[in-house]
Amino acid sequence: MLKNFFNKLIYKPDPIRLYSTGLSDTGQRRDHNEDNFLIDEKLGLFIVADGMGGHEAGEVASKLAIETIFNHIKELDASYKKNSKKAQANTAEIIKTLLQNAIEDANNQTHCYNLAKGIPEGKGMGTTVTGFLISTLDGPGKKKLYSFNVGDSRTYYYNHGKMKQLSTDHSHYQLWIETGKEGPPPKHNIIYKAIGPWRRIVAEQHTFKVKDKALFLLCSDGLTDMLSDQEICQILRTNQKQSLKEMAQALIDSANNAGGKDNITVVLVRP
């Protein structure tokens, strides 16, 4: 029923993968996978979404978010190709606004479904999302990465044996850290921002220059709850001469060996 509700969306990412890979695993404790991911090298769009809300509902919420963002970016790409001769001095603002609109669109659709079911504010099906758009629309040689996230799925940057988190966790644990660690620490997996449960949502957004030999990792919390940043960095370092697919599989295997308490999704991009 839920799948039929969202089947009107157009969702056909380009299947060619030359510099990226994605893997998703159910894990050791779950009987179904609510994660989804998108790879479209032609658009330069990469997304991981971690659904919540129980069987089917979380899976649909994560897929809906990905489809909606994909369709918005596809429209932007078509618009630029049509008007390629016109200089776009405010490209960055156009992309940031478009990404926020895409997040709001996905949130409105999911939230309205929750309301129609009589589910109160802050509950119901929803999804986290993390991703980025690699754009050359700023001009020749000016390749930029526009990152966005809602919730606690993460984006990392890895280069020369060092790793840095680019996304921001929207969790009560992260707030506890940022406000001075007063009182007992809350659980890591309690988030205050996601697509669906709340009426309004604002995505975290950042812009970065894309450097040569850089590696980007997007993942659901099924990876980061099982492995520390140091462990993830060590796995990337140890497997840096392997293919991206082998590197992604090594991360998933390690998370499963550590307990695999949740669905695990990994997308690796070396632009």
C-alpha atoms as a PDB file:
ATOM      1  CA  MET A   1       0.000   0.000   0.000  1.00  0.00           C
ATOM      2  CA  LEU A   2       2.721   2.475   0.938  1.00  0.00           C
ATOM      3  CA  LYS A   3       4.719   1.671  -2.174  1.00  0.00           C
ATOM      4  CA  ASN A   4       1.716   2.321  -4.411  1.00  0.00           C
ATOM      5  CA  PHE A   5       1.243   5.676  -2.672  1.00  0.00           C
ATOM      6  CA  PHE A   6       4.644   6.880  -3.924  1.00  0.00           C
ATOM      7  CA  ASN A   7       4.892   5.086  -7.272  1.00  0.00           C
ATOM      8  CA  LYS A   8       4.101   8.275  -9.225  1.00  0.00           C
ATOM      9  CA  LEU A   9       7.684   9.506  -8.810  1.00  0.00           C
ATOM     10  CA  ILE A  10      10.172   9.302 -11.691  1.00  0.00           C
ATOM     11  CA  TYR A  11      13.301   7.521 -10.537  1.00  0.00           C
ATOM     12  CA  LYS A  12      15.874   6.413 -13.108  1.00  0.00           C
ATOM     13  CA  PRO A  13      19.467   7.180 -12.073  1.00  0.00           C
ATOM     14  CA  ASP A  14      22.240   6.572 -14.590  1.00  0.00           C
ATOM     15  CA  PRO A  15      23.580   3.019 -14.044  1.00  0.00           C
ATOM     16  CA  ILE A  16      27.205   3.695 -15.070  1.00  0.00           C
ATOM     17  CA  ARG A  17      29.703   3.655 -12.176  1.00  0.00           C
ATOM     18  CA  LEU A  18      33.295   4.573 -12.970  1.00  0.00           C
ATOM     19  CA  TYR A  19      34.496   6.291  -9.805  1.00  0.00           C
ATOM     20  CA  SER A  20      32.056   5.198  -7.107  1.00  0.00           C
ATOM     21  CA  THR A  21      30.378   2.205  -5.512  1.00  0.00           C
ATOM     22  CA  GLY A  22      27.560   1.480  -3.071  1.00  0.00           C
ATOM     23  CA  LEU A  23      26.647  -1.503  -0.904  1.00  0.00           C
ATOM     24  CA  SER A  24      23.820  -2.070   1.569  1.00  0.00           C
ATOM     25  CA  ASP A  25      23.490  -4.936   4.036  1.00  0.00           C
ATOM     26  CA  THR A  26      20.642  -5.940   6.352  1.00  0.00           C
ATOM     27  CA  GLY A  27      23.050  -6.581   9.227  1.00  0.00           C
ATOM     28  CA  GLN A  28      22.986  -9.325  11.863  1.00  0.00           C
ATOM     29  CA  ARG A  29      19.933  -8.337  13.919  1.00  0.00           C
ATOM     30  CA  ARG A  30      17.294  -6.998  11.448  1.00  0.00           C
ATOM     31  CA  ASP A  31      15.029  -9.029   9.174  1.00  0.00           C
ATOM     32  CA  HIS A  32      14.598  -6.297   6.536  1.00  0.00           C
ATOM     33  CA  ASN A  33      16.532  -3.334   5.156  1.00  0.00           C
ATOM     34  CA  GLU A  34      15.148   0.197   5.563  1.00  0.00           C
ATOM     35  CA  ASP A  35      18.249   1.870   4.079  1.00  0.00           C
ATOM     36  CA  ASN A  36      18.439   3.132   0.505  1.00  0.00           C
ATOM     37  CA  PHE A  37      21.180   4.810  -1.498  1.00  0.00           C
ATOM     38  CA  LEU A  38      21.595   6.569  -4.825  1.00  0.00           C
ATOM     39  CA  ILE A  39      24.579   6.862  -7.146  1.00  0.00           C
ATOM     40  CA  ASP A  40      24.362   8.944 -10.315  1.00  0.00           C
ATOM     41  CA  GLU A  41      27.806   9.896 -11.611  1.00  0.00           C
ATOM     42  CA  LYS A  42      26.328  11.708 -14.612  1.00  0.00           C
ATOM     43  CA  LEU A  43      24.509  14.128 -12.301  1.00  0.00           C
ATOM     44  CA  GLY A  44      27.266  13.986  -9.681  1.00  0.00           C
ATOM     45  CA  LEU A  45      24.664  13.074  -7.059  1.00  0.00           C
ATOM     46  CA  PHE A  46      25.271  10.623  -4.199  1.00  0.00           C
ATOM     47  CA  ILE A  47      22.871   9.945  -1.310  1.00  0.00           C
ATOM     48  CA  VAL A  48      22.402   7.564   1.625  1.00  0.00           C
ATOM     49  CA  ALA A  49      19.077   7.469   3.487  1.00  0.00           C
ATOM     50  CA  ASP A  50      18.258   5.497   6.642  1.00  0.00           C
ATOM     51  CA  GLY A  51      14.509   4.941   7.021  1.00  0.00           C
ATOM     52  CA  MET A  52      12.604   4.488  10.255  1.00  0.00           C
ATOM     53  CA  GLY A  53       9.066   3.535  11.132  1.00  0.00           C
ATOM     54  CA  GLY A  54       8.996  -0.221  10.922  1.00  0.00           C
ATOM     55  CA  HIS A  55       8.710  -2.735   8.119  1.00  0.00           C
ATOM     56  CA  GLU A  56       7.944  -1.134   4.726  1.00  0.00           C
ATOM     57  CA  ALA A  57       7.338   2.347   6.175  1.00  0.00           C
ATOM     58  CA  GLY A  58      11.028   3.152   6.764  1.00  0.00           C
ATOM     59  CA  GLU A  59      12.014   1.627   3.455  1.00  0.00           C
ATOM     60  CA  VAL A  60       9.452   3.761   1.618  1.00  0.00           C
ATOM     61  CA  ALA A  61      10.427   6.954   3.480  1.00  0.00           C
ATOM     62  CA  SER A  62      14.108   6.555   2.602  1.00  0.00           C
ATOM     63  CA  LYS A  63      13.318   5.776  -1.023  1.00  0.00           C
ATOM     64  CA  LEU A  64      10.918   8.719  -1.269  1.00  0.00           C
ATOM     65  CA  ALA A  65      13.557  11.144   0.014  1.00  0.00           C
ATOM     66  CA  ILE A  66      16.104   9.885  -2.500  1.00  0.00           C
ATOM     67  CA  GLU A  67      13.652   9.987  -5.394  1.00  0.00           C
ATOM     68  CA  THR A  68      12.516  13.508  -4.568  1.00  0.00           C
ATOM     69  CA  ILE A  69      16.048  14.928  -4.306  1.00  0.00           C
ATOM     70  CA  PHE A  70      17.039  13.117  -7.502  1.00  0.00           C
ATOM     71  CA  ASN A  71      14.109  14.579  -9.451  1.00  0.00           C
ATOM     72  CA  HIS A  72      14.878  18.130  -8.255  1.00  0.00           C
ATOM     73  CA  ILE A  73      18.551  17.833  -9.265  1.00  0.00           C
ATOM     74  CA  LYS A  74      17.557  16.319 -12.601  1.00  0.00           C
ATOM     75  CA  GLU A  75      15.449  19.409 -13.301  1.00  0.00           C
ATOM     76  CA  LEU A  76      18.393  21.669 -12.409  1.00  0.00           C
ATOM     77  CA  ASP A  77      20.689  19.734 -14.746  1.00  0.00           C
ATOM     78  CA  ALA A  78      18.210  19.981 -17.616  1.00  0.00           C
ATOM     79  CA  SER A  79      17.736  23.701 -16.995  1.00  0.00           C
ATOM     80  CA  TYR A  80      21.472  24.415 -17.124  1.00  0.00           C
ATOM     81  CA  LYS A  81      21.918  22.414 -20.325  1.00  0.00           C
ATOM     82  CA  LYS A  82      19.101  24.367 -21.925  1.00  0.00           C
ATOM     83  CA  ASN A  83      20.629  27.692 -20.889  1.00  0.00           C
ATOM     84  CA  SER A  84      24.308  26.727 -21.076  1.00  0.00           C
ATOM     85  CA  LYS A  85      25.340  29.948 -22.790  1.00  0.00           C
ATOM     86  CA  LYS A  86      24.039  32.113 -19.972  1.00  0.00           C
ATOM     87  CA  ALA A  87      26.476  32.878 -17.164  1.00  0.00           C
ATOM     88  CA  GLN A  88      25.246  31.908 -13.714  1.00  0.00           C
ATOM     89  CA  ALA A  89      26.916  34.200 -11.201  1.00  0.00           C
ATOM     90  CA  ASN A  90      24.886  32.853  -8.287  1.00  0.00           C
ATOM     91  CA  THR A  91      25.252  29.124  -8.942  1.00  0.00           C
ATOM     92  CA  ALA A  92      26.029  28.270  -5.309  1.00  0.00           C
ATOM     93  CA  GLU A  93      22.864  29.915  -4.008  1.00  0.00           C
ATOM     94  CA  ILE A  94      20.781  28.266  -6.729  1.00  0.00           C
ATOM     95  CA  ILE A  95      22.071  24.810  -5.784  1.00  0.00           C
ATOM     96  CA  LYS A  96      21.698  25.367  -2.031  1.00  0.00           C
ATOM     97  CA  THR A  97      18.141  26.630  -2.464  1.00  0.00           C
ATOM     98  CA  LEU A  98      17.280  23.720  -4.725  1.00  0.00           C
ATOM     99  CA  LEU A  99      18.623  21.175  -2.232  1.00  0.00           C
ATOM    100  CA  GLN A 100      16.652  22.758   0.610  1.00  0.00           C
ATOM    101  CA  ASN A 101      13.508  22.770  -1.554  1.00  0.00           C
ATOM    102  CA  ALA A 102      14.054  19.095  -2.368  1.00  0.00           C
ATOM    103  CA  ILE A 103      14.401  18.241   1.337  1.00  0.00           C
ATOM    104  CA  GLU A 104      11.246  20.228   2.152  1.00  0.00           C
ATOM    105  CA  ASP A 105       9.353  18.515  -0.677  1.00  0.00           C
ATOM    106  CA  ALA A 106      10.288  15.047   0.599  1.00  0.00           C
ATOM    107  CA  ASN A 107       9.430  16.096   4.148  1.00  0.00           C
ATOM    108  CA  ASN A 108       6.015  17.493   3.177  1.00  0.00           C
ATOM    109  CA  GLN A 109       5.017  14.335   1.335  1.00  0.00           C
ATOM    110  CA  THR A 110       6.092  12.030   4.152  1.00  0.00           C
ATOM    111  CA  HIS A 111       4.686  14.259   6.905  1.00  0.00           C
ATOM    112  CA  CYS A 112       1.309  14.541   5.156  1.00  0.00           C
ATOM    113  CA  TYR A 113       1.131  10.763   4.984  1.00  0.00           C
ATOM    114  CA  ASN A 114       1.800  10.589   8.730  1.00  0.00           C
ATOM    115  CA  LEU A 115      -0.914  13.165   9.416  1.00  0.00           C
ATOM    116  CA  ALA A 116      -3.397  11.277   7.228  1.00  0.00           C
ATOM    117  CA  LYS A 117      -2.761   8.235   9.415  1.00  0.00           C
ATOM    118  CA  GLY A 118      -3.454  10.271  12.551  1.00  0.00           C
ATOM    119  CA  ILE A 119       0.160  10.091  13.720  1.00  0.00           C
ATOM    120  CA  PRO A 120       1.157  12.999  16.020  1.00  0.00           C
ATOM    121  CA  GLU A 121       3.991  15.482  15.393  1.00  0.00           C
ATOM    122  CA  GLY A 122       7.438  14.005  15.972  1.00  0.00           C
ATOM    123  CA  LYS A 123       6.413  10.418  15.300  1.00  0.00           C
ATOM    124  CA  GLY A 124       5.615   8.176  12.355  1.00  0.00           C
ATOM    125  CA  MET A 125       7.679   7.063   9.409  1.00  0.00           C
ATOM    126  CA  GLY A 126      10.675   9.104   8.406  1.00  0.00           C
ATOM    127  CA  THR A 127      14.264   8.973   7.257  1.00  0.00           C
ATOM    128  CA  THR A 128      17.663  10.502   7.747  1.00  0.00           C
ATOM    129  CA  VAL A 129      19.559  11.573   4.643  1.00  0.00           C
ATOM    130  CA  THR A 130      23.147  12.495   3.839  1.00  0.00           C
ATOM    131  CA  GLY A 131      24.595  13.234   0.448  1.00  0.00           C
ATOM    132  CA  PHE A 132      26.310  15.628  -1.883  1.00  0.00           C
ATOM    133  CA  LEU A 133      26.235  17.034  -5.388  1.00  0.00           C
ATOM    134  CA  ILE A 134      29.524  17.398  -7.255  1.00  0.00           C
ATOM    135  CA  SER A 135      29.039  20.381  -9.539  1.00  0.00           C
ATOM    136  CA  THR A 136      31.098  22.007 -12.311  1.00  0.00           C
ATOM    137  CA  LEU A 137      28.440  24.652 -12.928  1.00  0.00           C
ATOM    138  CA  ASP A 138      30.589  27.312 -11.227  1.00  0.00           C
ATOM    139  CA  GLY A 139      32.868  27.307 -14.267  1.00  0.00           C
ATOM    140  CA  PRO A 140      35.744  25.345 -15.901  1.00  0.00           C
ATOM    141  CA  GLY A 141      38.104  23.819 -13.357  1.00  0.00           C
ATOM    142  CA  LYS A 142      35.904  24.863 -10.442  1.00  0.00           C
ATOM    143  CA  LYS A 143      34.573  21.543  -9.250  1.00  0.00           C
ATOM    144  CA  LYS A 144      32.703  21.930  -5.954  1.00  0.00           C
ATOM    145  CA  LEU A 145      30.964  19.546  -3.602  1.00  0.00           C
ATOM    146  CA  TYR A 146      27.637  20.683  -2.120  1.00  0.00           C
ATOM    147  CA  SER A 147      26.900  18.493   0.902  1.00  0.00           C
ATOM    148  CA  PHE A 148      23.600  18.181   2.769  1.00  0.00           C
ATOM    149  CA  ASN A 149      22.306  16.102   5.643  1.00  0.00           C
ATOM    150  CA  VAL A 150      19.355  15.641   7.965  1.00  0.00           C
ATOM    151  CA  GLY A 151      19.719  13.316  10.950  1.00  0.00           C
ATOM    152  CA  ASP A 152      22.723  11.185  11.870  1.00  0.00           C
ATOM    153  CA  SER A 153      23.726   9.459   8.636  1.00  0.00           C
ATOM    154  CA  ARG A 154      27.192  10.757   7.835  1.00  0.00           C
ATOM    155  CA  THR A 155      29.513  12.023   5.107  1.00  0.00           C
ATOM    156  CA  TYR A 156      33.280  11.739   5.548  1.00  0.00           C
ATOM    157  CA  TYR A 157      36.308  13.033   3.645  1.00  0.00           C
ATOM    158  CA  TYR A 158      39.406  10.819   3.507  1.00  0.00           C
ATOM    159  CA  ASN A 159      42.810  11.750   2.096  1.00  0.00           C
ATOM    160  CA  HIS A 160      46.425  10.813   2.835  1.00  0.00           C
ATOM    161  CA  GLY A 161      45.480   8.490   5.694  1.00  0.00           C
ATOM    162  CA  LYS A 162      43.347  11.055   7.522  1.00  0.00           C
ATOM    163  CA  MET A 163      39.559  11.292   7.791  1.00  0.00           C
ATOM    164  CA  LYS A 164      37.204  14.142   8.636  1.00  0.00           C
ATOM    165  CA  GLN A 165      33.436  14.195   9.147  1.00  0.00           C
ATOM    166  CA  LEU A 166      31.768  16.707   6.809  1.00  0.00           C
ATOM    167  CA  SER A 167      28.171  16.237   7.980  1.00  0.00           C
ATOM    168  CA  THR A 168      26.674  17.272  11.317  1.00  0.00           C
ATOM    169  CA  ASP A 169      24.827  14.766  13.524  1.00  0.00           C
ATOM    170  CA  HIS A 170      21.372  16.031  14.483  1.00  0.00           C
ATOM    171  CA  SER A 171      21.290  13.912  17.627  1.00  0.00           C
ATOM    172  CA  HIS A 172      20.768  14.694  21.303  1.00  0.00           C
ATOM    173  CA  TYR A 173      24.167  13.106  21.999  1.00  0.00           C
ATOM    174  CA  GLN A 174      25.865  15.604  19.672  1.00  0.00           C
ATOM    175  CA  LEU A 175      23.974  18.455  21.351  1.00  0.00           C
ATOM    176  CA  TRP A 176      25.162  17.163  24.714  1.00  0.00           C
ATOM    177  CA  ILE A 177      28.771  17.341  23.465  1.00  0.00           C
ATOM    178  CA  GLU A 178      28.342  20.817  21.979  1.00  0.00           C
ATOM    179  CA  THR A 179      26.749  22.228  25.144  1.00  0.00           C
ATOM    180  CA  GLY A 180      29.504  21.138  27.505  1.00  0.00           C
ATOM    181  CA  LYS A 181      28.524  17.556  28.413  1.00  0.00           C
ATOM    182  CA  GLU A 182      26.382  18.543  31.369  1.00  0.00           C
ATOM    183  CA  GLY A 183      24.478  15.720  33.010  1.00  0.00           C
ATOM    184  CA  PRO A 184      24.383  12.081  31.932  1.00  0.00           C
ATOM    185  CA  PRO A 185      24.989  11.463  28.203  1.00  0.00           C
ATOM    186  CA  PRO A 186      21.870  10.653  26.127  1.00  0.00           C
ATOM    187  CA  LYS A 187      21.729   7.662  23.823  1.00  0.00           C
ATOM    188  CA  HIS A 188      23.570   8.050  20.534  1.00  0.00           C
ATOM    189  CA  ASN A 189      20.631   7.117  18.307  1.00  0.00           C
ATOM    190  CA  ILE A 190      18.049   9.664  19.514  1.00  0.00           C
ATOM    191  CA  ILE A 191      17.768  12.316  16.793  1.00  0.00           C
ATOM    192  CA  TYR A 192      15.876  15.615  16.824  1.00  0.00           C
ATOM    193  CA  LYS A 193      15.783  16.130  13.060  1.00  0.00           C
ATOM    194  CA  ALA A 194      14.605  13.788  10.275  1.00  0.00           C
ATOM    195  CA  ILE A 195      12.525  13.888   7.110  1.00  0.00           C
ATOM    196  CA  GLY A 196       8.886  13.056   7.879  1.00  0.00           C
ATOM    197  CA  PRO A 197       8.070  13.264  11.596  1.00  0.00           C
ATOM    198  CA  TRP A 198       8.125  17.079  11.853  1.00  0.00           C
ATOM    199  CA  ARG A 199       6.223  19.690   9.836  1.00  0.00           C
ATOM    200  CA  ARG A 200       9.251  21.803   8.945  1.00  0.00           C
ATOM    201  CA  ILE A 201      12.843  20.797   8.363  1.00  0.00           C
ATOM    202  CA  VAL A 202      16.053  22.611   7.440  1.00  0.00           C
ATOM    203  CA  ALA A 203      18.959  20.661   6.012  1.00  0.00           C
ATOM    204  CA  GLU A 204      22.549  21.181   7.121  1.00  0.00           C
ATOM    205  CA  GLN A 205      24.536  22.345   4.079  1.00  0.00           C
ATOM    206  CA  HIS A 206      28.222  22.957   3.390  1.00  0.00           C
ATOM    207  CA  THR A 207      30.370  23.592   0.298  1.00  0.00           C
ATOM    208  CA  PHE A 208      33.850  22.164  -0.306  1.00  0.00           C
ATOM    209  CA  LYS A 209      36.410  22.215  -3.093  1.00  0.00           C
ATOM    210  CA  VAL A 210      37.061  18.782  -4.587  1.00  0.00           C
ATOM    211  CA  LYS A 211      40.760  17.888  -4.378  1.00  0.00           C
ATOM    212  CA  ASP A 212      42.644  15.267  -6.375  1.00  0.00           C
ATOM    213  CA  LYS A 213      42.802  11.758  -4.878  1.00  0.00           C
ATOM    214  CA  ALA A 214      40.137  12.619  -2.318  1.00  0.00           C
ATOM    215  CA  LEU A 215      37.811   9.835  -1.178  1.00  0.00           C
ATOM    216  CA  PHE A 216      34.319  10.506   0.162  1.00  0.00           C
ATOM    217  CA  LEU A 217      32.334   8.097   2.318  1.00  0.00           C
ATOM    218  CA  LEU A 218      28.588   8.268   2.905  1.00  0.00           C
ATOM    219  CA  CYS A 219      27.087   5.842   5.394  1.00  0.00           C
ATOM    220  CA  SER A 220      24.122   5.063   7.610  1.00  0.00           C
ATOM    221  CA  ASP A 221      24.545   4.781  11.381  1.00  0.00           C
ATOM    222  CA  GLY A 222      24.649   1.010  11.010  1.00  0.00           C
ATOM    223  CA  LEU A 223      28.320   1.565  10.229  1.00  0.00           C
ATOM    224  CA  THR A 224      29.174   4.339  12.683  1.00  0.00           C
ATOM    225  CA  ASP A 225      27.367   2.747  15.641  1.00  0.00           C
ATOM    226  CA  MET A 226      29.513  -0.365  15.225  1.00  0.00           C
ATOM    227  CA  LEU A 227      32.843   1.226  14.304  1.00  0.00           C
ATOM    228  CA  SER A 228      34.614   4.304  15.644  1.00  0.00           C
ATOM    229  CA  ASP A 229      35.976   6.956  13.295  1.00  0.00           C
ATOM    230  CA  GLN A 230      39.472   5.654  14.032  1.00  0.00           C
ATOM    231  CA  GLU A 231      38.456   2.114  13.044  1.00  0.00           C
ATOM    232  CA  ILE A 232      36.778   3.300   9.845  1.00  0.00           C
ATOM    233  CA  CYS A 233      39.856   5.356   8.938  1.00  0.00           C
ATOM    234  CA  GLN A 234      42.118   2.361   9.584  1.00  0.00           C
ATOM    235  CA  ILE A 235      40.000   0.120   7.316  1.00  0.00           C
ATOM    236  CA  LEU A 236      40.170   2.710   4.519  1.00  0.00           C
ATOM    237  CA  ARG A 237      43.931   3.041   5.014  1.00  0.00           C
ATOM    238  CA  THR A 238      44.496  -0.722   5.039  1.00  0.00           C
ATOM    239  CA  ASN A 239      42.401  -1.252   1.903  1.00  0.00           C
ATOM    240  CA  GLN A 240      43.398   1.868  -0.042  1.00  0.00           C
ATOM    241  CA  LYS A 241      45.012  -0.204  -2.829  1.00  0.00           C
ATOM    242  CA  GLN A 242      41.863  -2.313  -3.230  1.00  0.00           C
ATOM    243  CA  SER A 243      38.930  -1.452  -5.481  1.00  0.00           C
ATOM    244  CA  LEU A 244      36.203   0.797  -4.106  1.00  0.00           C
ATOM    245  CA  LYS A 245      33.818  -2.175  -3.997  1.00  0.00           C
ATOM    246  CA  GLU A 246      36.306  -4.243  -1.976  1.00  0.00           C
ATOM    247  CA  MET A 247      36.865  -1.284   0.333  1.00  0.00           C
ATOM    248  CA  ALA A 248      33.111  -0.879   0.870  1.00  0.00           C
ATOM    249  CA  GLN A 249      32.718  -4.599   1.543  1.00  0.00           C
ATOM    250  CA  ALA A 250      35.532  -4.457   4.109  1.00  0.00           C
ATOM    251  CA  LEU A 251      33.660  -1.728   5.996  1.00  0.00           C
ATOM    252  CA  ILE A 252      30.389  -3.687   5.983  1.00  0.00           C
ATOM    253  CA  ASP A 253      32.115  -6.929   7.029  1.00  0.00           C
ATOM    254  CA  SER A 254      33.800  -5.147   9.936  1.00  0.00           C
ATOM    255  CA  ALA A 255      30.492  -3.634  11.100  1.00  0.00           C
ATOM    256  CA  ASN A 256      28.828  -7.046  10.946  1.00  0.00           C
ATOM    257  CA  ASN A 257      31.728  -8.645  12.820  1.00  0.00           C
ATOM    258  CA  ALA A 258      31.319  -5.978  15.504  1.00  0.00           C
ATOM    259  CA  GLY A 259      27.671  -6.956  16.001  1.00  0.00           C
ATOM    260  CA  GLY A 260      25.778  -5.661  12.976  1.00  0.00           C
ATOM    261  CA  LYS A 261      22.931  -4.282  15.100  1.00  0.00           C
ATOM    262  CA  ASP A 262      21.376  -2.262  12.263  1.00  0.00           C
ATOM    263  CA  ASN A 263      21.223  -2.026   8.486  1.00  0.00           C
ATOM    264  CA  ILE A 264      24.593  -0.979   7.062  1.00  0.00           C
ATOM    265  CA  THR A 265      24.922   1.165   3.939  1.00  0.00           C
ATOM    266  CA  VAL A 266      28.174   2.467   2.457  1.00  0.00           C
ATOM    267  CA  VAL A 267      28.776   4.649  -0.609  1.00  0.00           C
ATOM    268  CA  LEU A 268      32.351   5.470  -1.638  1.00  0.00           C
ATOM    269  CA  VAL A 269      33.181   8.172  -4.185  1.00  0.00           C
ATOM    270  CA  ARG A 270      36.587   9.037  -5.630  1.00  0.00           C
ATOM    271  CA  PRO A 271      35.785  11.816  -8.154  1.00  0.00           C
END
